[in-house]
Amino acid sequence: MKTPAAIFAIATLAIVAAAPADAKGCLKGAVVGGVAGHYAGHHGVLGAVAGCVYGRHHAKEQARQQNQAPNGQERM
């Protein structure tokens, strides 16, 4: 049972390593998601992937809010 999980983890790491290095929010979300997934049924890898996706989304939303002008229009 550990072999498919290990293969999945290696494949996921290979895909992530090929992606650009803009990982704001991903690492922190992956750690939290991995720990939560581990304790919620030994699904640490799945939790880490989901945490990374959520962390990245949250970081993008924060960046978007910081880049908006006070009158609600985006900067150029």
PDB file of N, CA and C in Angstrom:
ATOM      1  N   MET A   1       0.819  -1.195   0.000  1.00  0.00           N
ATOM      2  CA  MET A   1       0.000   0.000   0.000  1.00  0.00           C
ATOM      3  C   MET A   1       0.864   1.261   0.000  1.00  0.00           C
ATOM      4  N   LYS A   2       2.067   1.164   0.545  1.00  0.00           N
ATOM      5  CA  LYS A   2       2.929   2.332   0.589  1.00  0.00           C
ATOM      6  C   LYS A   2       3.577   2.618  -0.760  1.00  0.00           C
ATOM      7  N   THR A   3       3.726   1.604  -1.595  1.00  0.00           N
ATOM      8  CA  THR A   3       4.368   1.801  -2.891  1.00  0.00           C
ATOM      9  C   THR A   3       3.581   2.754  -3.787  1.00  0.00           C
ATOM     10  N   PRO A   4       2.243   2.584  -3.949  1.00  0.00           N
ATOM     11  CA  PRO A   4       1.515   3.550  -4.780  1.00  0.00           C
ATOM     12  C   PRO A   4       1.573   4.975  -4.212  1.00  0.00           C
ATOM     13  N   ALA A   5       1.535   5.087  -2.895  1.00  0.00           N
ATOM     14  CA  ALA A   5       1.612   6.421  -2.286  1.00  0.00           C
ATOM     15  C   ALA A   5       2.979   7.043  -2.542  1.00  0.00           C
ATOM     16  N   ALA A   6       4.019   6.250  -2.476  1.00  0.00           N
ATOM     17  CA  ALA A   6       5.364   6.765  -2.727  1.00  0.00           C
ATOM     18  C   ALA A   6       5.521   7.190  -4.186  1.00  0.00           C
ATOM     19  N   ILE A   7       4.985   6.397  -5.100  1.00  0.00           N
ATOM     20  CA  ILE A   7       5.049   6.748  -6.515  1.00  0.00           C
ATOM     21  C   ILE A   7       4.273   8.038  -6.776  1.00  0.00           C
ATOM     22  N   PHE A   8       3.102   8.160  -6.152  1.00  0.00           N
ATOM     23  CA  PHE A   8       2.300   9.369  -6.304  1.00  0.00           C
ATOM     24  C   PHE A   8       3.041  10.581  -5.752  1.00  0.00           C
ATOM     25  N   ALA A   9       3.686  10.422  -4.606  1.00  0.00           N
ATOM     26  CA  ALA A   9       4.420  11.523  -3.999  1.00  0.00           C
ATOM     27  C   ALA A   9       5.593  11.953  -4.877  1.00  0.00           C
ATOM     28  N   ILE A  10       6.302  10.996  -5.428  1.00  0.00           N
ATOM     29  CA  ILE A  10       7.438  11.319  -6.297  1.00  0.00           C
ATOM     30  C   ILE A  10       6.954  12.018  -7.563  1.00  0.00           C
ATOM     31  N   ALA A  11       5.863  11.539  -8.140  1.00  0.00           N
ATOM     32  CA  ALA A  11       5.316  12.167  -9.346  1.00  0.00           C
ATOM     33  C   ALA A  11       4.848  13.593  -9.044  1.00  0.00           C
ATOM     34  N   THR A  12       4.215  13.781  -7.891  1.00  0.00           N
ATOM     35  CA  THR A  12       3.748  15.111  -7.512  1.00  0.00           C
ATOM     36  C   THR A  12       4.933  16.059  -7.320  1.00  0.00           C
ATOM     37  N   LEU A  13       5.973  15.585  -6.656  1.00  0.00           N
ATOM     38  CA  LEU A  13       7.150  16.416  -6.466  1.00  0.00           C
ATOM     39  C   LEU A  13       7.822  16.760  -7.790  1.00  0.00           C
ATOM     40  N   ALA A  14       7.817  15.832  -8.733  1.00  0.00           N
ATOM     41  CA  ALA A  14       8.414  16.105 -10.043  1.00  0.00           C
ATOM     42  C   ALA A  14       7.630  17.180 -10.789  1.00  0.00           C
ATOM     43  N   ILE A  15       6.326  17.136 -10.688  1.00  0.00           N
ATOM     44  CA  ILE A  15       5.489  18.140 -11.346  1.00  0.00           C
ATOM     45  C   ILE A  15       5.674  19.497 -10.681  1.00  0.00           C
ATOM     46  N   VAL A  16       5.704  19.509  -9.358  1.00  0.00           N
ATOM     47  CA  VAL A  16       5.859  20.762  -8.625  1.00  0.00           C
ATOM     48  C   VAL A  16       7.240  21.359  -8.885  1.00  0.00           C
ATOM     49  N   ALA A  17       8.250  20.519  -8.977  1.00  0.00           N
ATOM     50  CA  ALA A  17       9.605  21.022  -9.209  1.00  0.00           C
ATOM     51  C   ALA A  17       9.731  21.652 -10.594  1.00  0.00           C
ATOM     52  N   ALA A  18       8.925  21.217 -11.541  1.00  0.00           N
ATOM     53  CA  ALA A  18       8.983  21.771 -12.887  1.00  0.00           C
ATOM     54  C   ALA A  18       8.211  23.088 -12.997  1.00  0.00           C
ATOM     55  N   ALA A  19       7.387  23.399 -12.003  1.00  0.00           N
ATOM     56  CA  ALA A  19       6.586  24.619 -12.016  1.00  0.00           C
ATOM     57  C   ALA A  19       7.461  25.810 -11.642  1.00  0.00           C
ATOM     58  N   PRO A  20       7.023  27.018 -11.985  1.00  0.00           N
ATOM     59  CA  PRO A  20       7.780  28.204 -11.580  1.00  0.00           C
ATOM     60  C   PRO A  20       7.910  28.282 -10.057  1.00  0.00           C
ATOM     61  N   ALA A  21       8.886  29.021  -9.584  1.00  0.00           N
ATOM     62  CA  ALA A  21       9.186  29.065  -8.157  1.00  0.00           C
ATOM     63  C   ALA A  21       8.324  30.053  -7.388  1.00  0.00           C
ATOM     64  N   ASP A  22       7.215  30.486  -7.936  1.00  0.00           N
ATOM     65  CA  ASP A  22       6.313  31.410  -7.256  1.00  0.00           C
ATOM     66  C   ASP A  22       5.375  30.599  -6.369  1.00  0.00           C
ATOM     67  N   ALA A  23       5.803  30.330  -5.153  1.00  0.00           N
ATOM     68  CA  ALA A  23       5.061  29.424  -4.284  1.00  0.00           C
ATOM     69  C   ALA A  23       4.532  30.117  -3.040  1.00  0.00           C
ATOM     70  N   LYS A  24       4.141  31.358  -3.157  1.00  0.00           N
ATOM     71  CA  LYS A  24       3.622  32.052  -1.988  1.00  0.00           C
ATOM     72  C   LYS A  24       2.368  31.353  -1.493  1.00  0.00           C
ATOM     73  N   GLY A  25       2.379  30.972  -0.245  1.00  0.00           N
ATOM     74  CA  GLY A  25       1.230  30.311   0.363  1.00  0.00           C
ATOM     75  C   GLY A  25       1.224  28.812   0.195  1.00  0.00           C
ATOM     76  N   CYS A  26       1.924  28.301  -0.796  1.00  0.00           N
ATOM     77  CA  CYS A  26       1.879  26.876  -1.086  1.00  0.00           C
ATOM     78  C   CYS A  26       2.580  26.058  -0.008  1.00  0.00           C
ATOM     79  N   LEU A  27       3.758  26.462   0.385  1.00  0.00           N
ATOM     80  CA  LEU A  27       4.518  25.671   1.348  1.00  0.00           C
ATOM     81  C   LEU A  27       3.834  25.616   2.707  1.00  0.00           C
ATOM     82  N   LYS A  28       3.364  26.748   3.179  1.00  0.00           N
ATOM     83  CA  LYS A  28       2.685  26.785   4.466  1.00  0.00           C
ATOM     84  C   LYS A  28       1.390  25.970   4.412  1.00  0.00           C
ATOM     85  N   GLY A  29       0.637  26.115   3.338  1.00  0.00           N
ATOM     86  CA  GLY A  29      -0.597  25.348   3.174  1.00  0.00           C
ATOM     87  C   GLY A  29      -0.332  23.866   3.049  1.00  0.00           C
ATOM     88  N   ALA A  30       0.754  23.500   2.385  1.00  0.00           N
ATOM     89  CA  ALA A  30       1.095  22.087   2.223  1.00  0.00           C
ATOM     90  C   ALA A  30       1.451  21.459   3.561  1.00  0.00           C
ATOM     91  N   VAL A  31       2.165  22.177   4.397  1.00  0.00           N
ATOM     92  CA  VAL A  31       2.521  21.639   5.715  1.00  0.00           C
ATOM     93  C   VAL A  31       1.274  21.442   6.558  1.00  0.00           C
ATOM     94  N   VAL A  32       0.433  22.445   6.620  1.00  0.00           N
ATOM     95  CA  VAL A  32      -0.788  22.351   7.420  1.00  0.00           C
ATOM     96  C   VAL A  32      -1.710  21.271   6.861  1.00  0.00           C
ATOM     97  N   GLY A  33      -1.880  21.242   5.557  1.00  0.00           N
ATOM     98  CA  GLY A  33      -2.743  20.231   4.938  1.00  0.00           C
ATOM     99  C   GLY A  33      -2.199  18.826   5.099  1.00  0.00           C
ATOM    100  N   GLY A  34      -0.890  18.672   5.016  1.00  0.00           N
ATOM    101  CA  GLY A  34      -0.275  17.360   5.188  1.00  0.00           C
ATOM    102  C   GLY A  34      -0.470  16.820   6.580  1.00  0.00           C
ATOM    103  N   VAL A  35      -0.303  17.671   7.577  1.00  0.00           N
ATOM    104  CA  VAL A  35      -0.505  17.238   8.965  1.00  0.00           C
ATOM    105  C   VAL A  35      -1.975  16.909   9.202  1.00  0.00           C
ATOM    106  N   ALA A  36      -2.853  17.772   8.733  1.00  0.00           N
ATOM    107  CA  ALA A  36      -4.284  17.518   8.916  1.00  0.00           C
ATOM    108  C   ALA A  36      -4.720  16.252   8.183  1.00  0.00           C
ATOM    109  N   GLY A  37      -4.227  16.052   6.981  1.00  0.00           N
ATOM    110  CA  GLY A  37      -4.570  14.849   6.227  1.00  0.00           C
ATOM    111  C   GLY A  37      -4.037  13.588   6.879  1.00  0.00           C
ATOM    112  N   HIS A  38      -2.867  13.678   7.485  1.00  0.00           N
ATOM    113  CA  HIS A  38      -2.291  12.519   8.168  1.00  0.00           C
ATOM    114  C   HIS A  38      -3.162  12.100   9.344  1.00  0.00           C
ATOM    115  N   TYR A  39      -3.592  13.068  10.125  1.00  0.00           N
ATOM    116  CA  TYR A  39      -4.408  12.740  11.293  1.00  0.00           C
ATOM    117  C   TYR A  39      -5.850  12.419  10.931  1.00  0.00           C
ATOM    118  N   ALA A  40      -6.289  12.784   9.758  1.00  0.00           N
ATOM    119  CA  ALA A  40      -7.672  12.529   9.349  1.00  0.00           C
ATOM    120  C   ALA A  40      -7.776  11.291   8.470  1.00  0.00           C
ATOM    121  N   GLY A  41      -6.938  10.317   8.684  1.00  0.00           N
ATOM    122  CA  GLY A  41      -7.080   9.078   7.939  1.00  0.00           C
ATOM    123  C   GLY A  41      -5.869   8.705   7.119  1.00  0.00           C
ATOM    124  N   HIS A  42      -4.691   9.157   7.506  1.00  0.00           N
ATOM    125  CA  HIS A  42      -3.448   8.808   6.812  1.00  0.00           C
ATOM    126  C   HIS A  42      -3.468   9.203   5.339  1.00  0.00           C
ATOM    127  N   HIS A  43      -3.956  10.389   5.055  1.00  0.00           N
ATOM    128  CA  HIS A  43      -3.967  10.937   3.694  1.00  0.00           C
ATOM    129  C   HIS A  43      -3.126  12.196   3.659  1.00  0.00           C
ATOM    130  N   GLY A  44      -1.895  12.093   4.130  1.00  0.00           N
ATOM    131  CA  GLY A  44      -1.020  13.258   4.231  1.00  0.00           C
ATOM    132  C   GLY A  44      -0.673  13.884   2.898  1.00  0.00           C
ATOM    133  N   VAL A  45      -0.425  13.048   1.885  1.00  0.00           N
ATOM    134  CA  VAL A  45      -0.050  13.586   0.566  1.00  0.00           C
ATOM    135  C   VAL A  45      -1.226  14.335  -0.051  1.00  0.00           C
ATOM    136  N   LEU A  46      -2.402  13.753   0.042  1.00  0.00           N
ATOM    137  CA  LEU A  46      -3.594  14.411  -0.495  1.00  0.00           C
ATOM    138  C   LEU A  46      -3.863  15.722   0.241  1.00  0.00           C
ATOM    139  N   GLY A  47      -3.693  15.704   1.560  1.00  0.00           N
ATOM    140  CA  GLY A  47      -3.869  16.921   2.348  1.00  0.00           C
ATOM    141  C   GLY A  47      -2.857  17.983   1.985  1.00  0.00           C
ATOM    142  N   ALA A  48      -1.621  17.555   1.727  1.00  0.00           N
ATOM    143  CA  ALA A  48      -0.574  18.513   1.356  1.00  0.00           C
ATOM    144  C   ALA A  48      -0.874  19.163   0.013  1.00  0.00           C
ATOM    145  N   VAL A  49      -1.334  18.385  -0.934  1.00  0.00           N
ATOM    146  CA  VAL A  49      -1.676  18.941  -2.257  1.00  0.00           C
ATOM    147  C   VAL A  49      -2.838  19.918  -2.129  1.00  0.00           C
ATOM    148  N   ALA A  50      -3.872  19.525  -1.387  1.00  0.00           N
ATOM    149  CA  ALA A  50      -5.024  20.411  -1.203  1.00  0.00           C
ATOM    150  C   ALA A  50      -4.630  21.665  -0.441  1.00  0.00           C
ATOM    151  N   GLY A  51      -3.777  21.527   0.564  1.00  0.00           N
ATOM    152  CA  GLY A  51      -3.313  22.689   1.319  1.00  0.00           C
ATOM    153  C   GLY A  51      -2.508  23.641   0.466  1.00  0.00           C
ATOM    154  N   CYS A  52      -1.701  23.093  -0.418  1.00  0.00           N
ATOM    155  CA  CYS A  52      -0.907  23.923  -1.324  1.00  0.00           C
ATOM    156  C   CYS A  52      -1.819  24.712  -2.261  1.00  0.00           C
ATOM    157  N   VAL A  53      -2.815  24.042  -2.805  1.00  0.00           N
ATOM    158  CA  VAL A  53      -3.747  24.714  -3.717  1.00  0.00           C
ATOM    159  C   VAL A  53      -4.490  25.825  -2.994  1.00  0.00           C
ATOM    160  N   TYR A  54      -4.981  25.519  -1.787  1.00  0.00           N
ATOM    161  CA  TYR A  54      -5.707  26.544  -1.027  1.00  0.00           C
ATOM    162  C   TYR A  54      -4.790  27.691  -0.618  1.00  0.00           C
ATOM    163  N   GLY A  55      -3.586  27.378  -0.164  1.00  0.00           N
ATOM    164  CA  GLY A  55      -2.642  28.414   0.237  1.00  0.00           C
ATOM    165  C   GLY A  55      -2.285  29.339  -0.900  1.00  0.00           C
ATOM    166  N   ARG A  56      -2.097  28.766  -2.087  1.00  0.00           N
ATOM    167  CA  ARG A  56      -1.780  29.576  -3.273  1.00  0.00           C
ATOM    168  C   ARG A  56      -2.948  30.489  -3.635  1.00  0.00           C
ATOM    169  N   HIS A  57      -4.164  29.942  -3.572  1.00  0.00           N
ATOM    170  CA  HIS A  57      -5.369  30.732  -3.865  1.00  0.00           C
ATOM    171  C   HIS A  57      -5.496  31.885  -2.875  1.00  0.00           C
ATOM    172  N   HIS A  58      -5.281  31.590  -1.607  1.00  0.00           N
ATOM    173  CA  HIS A  58      -5.398  32.612  -0.568  1.00  0.00           C
ATOM    174  C   HIS A  58      -4.349  33.716  -0.764  1.00  0.00           C
ATOM    175  N   ALA A  59      -3.128  33.344  -1.122  1.00  0.00           N
ATOM    176  CA  ALA A  59      -2.069  34.322  -1.358  1.00  0.00           C
ATOM    177  C   ALA A  59      -2.408  35.210  -2.559  1.00  0.00           C
ATOM    178  N   LYS A  60      -2.980  34.622  -3.604  1.00  0.00           N
ATOM    179  CA  LYS A  60      -3.376  35.423  -4.770  1.00  0.00           C
ATOM    180  C   LYS A  60      -4.470  36.421  -4.405  1.00  0.00           C
ATOM    181  N   GLU A  61      -5.432  35.983  -3.595  1.00  0.00           N
ATOM    182  CA  GLU A  61      -6.511  36.877  -3.183  1.00  0.00           C
ATOM    183  C   GLU A  61      -5.971  38.044  -2.354  1.00  0.00           C
ATOM    184  N   GLN A  62      -5.049  37.767  -1.445  1.00  0.00           N
ATOM    185  CA  GLN A  62      -4.458  38.833  -0.650  1.00  0.00           C
ATOM    186  C   GLN A  62      -3.672  39.807  -1.517  1.00  0.00           C
ATOM    187  N   ALA A  63      -2.922  39.288  -2.471  1.00  0.00           N
ATOM    188  CA  ALA A  63      -2.159  40.154  -3.375  1.00  0.00           C
ATOM    189  C   ALA A  63      -3.095  41.015  -4.217  1.00  0.00           C
ATOM    190  N   ARG A  64      -4.188  40.443  -4.660  1.00  0.00           N
ATOM    191  CA  ARG A  64      -5.151  41.189  -5.462  1.00  0.00           C
ATOM    192  C   ARG A  64      -5.773  42.317  -4.637  1.00  0.00           C
ATOM    193  N   GLN A  65      -6.086  42.050  -3.374  1.00  0.00           N
ATOM    194  CA  GLN A  65      -6.676  43.080  -2.520  1.00  0.00           C
ATOM    195  C   GLN A  65      -5.674  44.196  -2.221  1.00  0.00           C
ATOM    196  N   GLN A  66      -4.401  43.865  -2.079  1.00  0.00           N
ATOM    197  CA  GLN A  66      -3.392  44.879  -1.798  1.00  0.00           C
ATOM    198  C   GLN A  66      -3.114  45.752  -3.014  1.00  0.00           C
ATOM    199  N   ASN A  67      -3.340  45.240  -4.216  1.00  0.00           N
ATOM    200  CA  ASN A  67      -3.047  45.989  -5.435  1.00  0.00           C
ATOM    201  C   ASN A  67      -4.199  46.851  -5.915  1.00  0.00           C
ATOM    202  N   GLN A  68      -5.327  46.796  -5.222  1.00  0.00           N
ATOM    203  CA  GLN A  68      -6.463  47.606  -5.642  1.00  0.00           C
ATOM    204  C   GLN A  68      -6.316  49.031  -5.124  1.00  0.00           C
ATOM    205  N   ALA A  69      -6.741  49.974  -5.935  1.00  0.00           N
ATOM    206  CA  ALA A  69      -6.717  51.382  -5.548  1.00  0.00           C
ATOM    207  C   ALA A  69      -7.817  51.633  -4.509  1.00  0.00           C
ATOM    208  N   PRO A  70      -7.721  52.712  -3.751  1.00  0.00           N
ATOM    209  CA  PRO A  70      -8.737  52.991  -2.725  1.00  0.00           C
ATOM    210  C   PRO A  70     -10.149  53.159  -3.262  1.00  0.00           C
ATOM    211  N   ASN A  71     -10.313  53.564  -4.513  1.00  0.00           N
ATOM    212  CA  ASN A  71     -11.651  53.766  -5.047  1.00  0.00           C
ATOM    213  C   ASN A  71     -12.205  52.492  -5.681  1.00  0.00           C
ATOM    214  N   GLY A  72     -11.510  51.366  -5.536  1.00  0.00           N
ATOM    215  CA  GLY A  72     -12.026  50.101  -6.024  1.00  0.00           C
ATOM    216  C   GLY A  72     -11.532  49.714  -7.401  1.00  0.00           C
ATOM    217  N   GLN A  73     -10.783  50.571  -8.076  1.00  0.00           N
ATOM    218  CA  GLN A  73     -10.258  50.255  -9.390  1.00  0.00           C
ATOM    219  C   GLN A  73      -8.845  49.721  -9.263  1.00  0.00           C
ATOM    220  N   GLU A  74      -8.496  48.786 -10.132  1.00  0.00           N
ATOM    221  CA  GLU A  74      -7.147  48.218 -10.087  1.00  0.00           C
ATOM    222  C   GLU A  74      -6.142  49.207 -10.669  1.00  0.00           C
ATOM    223  N   ARG A  75      -4.909  49.115 -10.188  1.00  0.00           N
ATOM    224  CA  ARG A  75      -3.834  49.943 -10.707  1.00  0.00           C
ATOM    225  C   ARG A  75      -3.376  49.441 -12.064  1.00  0.00           C
ATOM    226  N   MET A  76      -2.742  50.313 -12.797  1.00  0.00           N
ATOM    227  CA  MET A  76      -2.221  49.908 -14.091  1.00  0.00           C
ATOM    228  C   MET A  76      -0.763  49.721 -14.040  1.00  0.00           C
TER     229      MET A  76
END
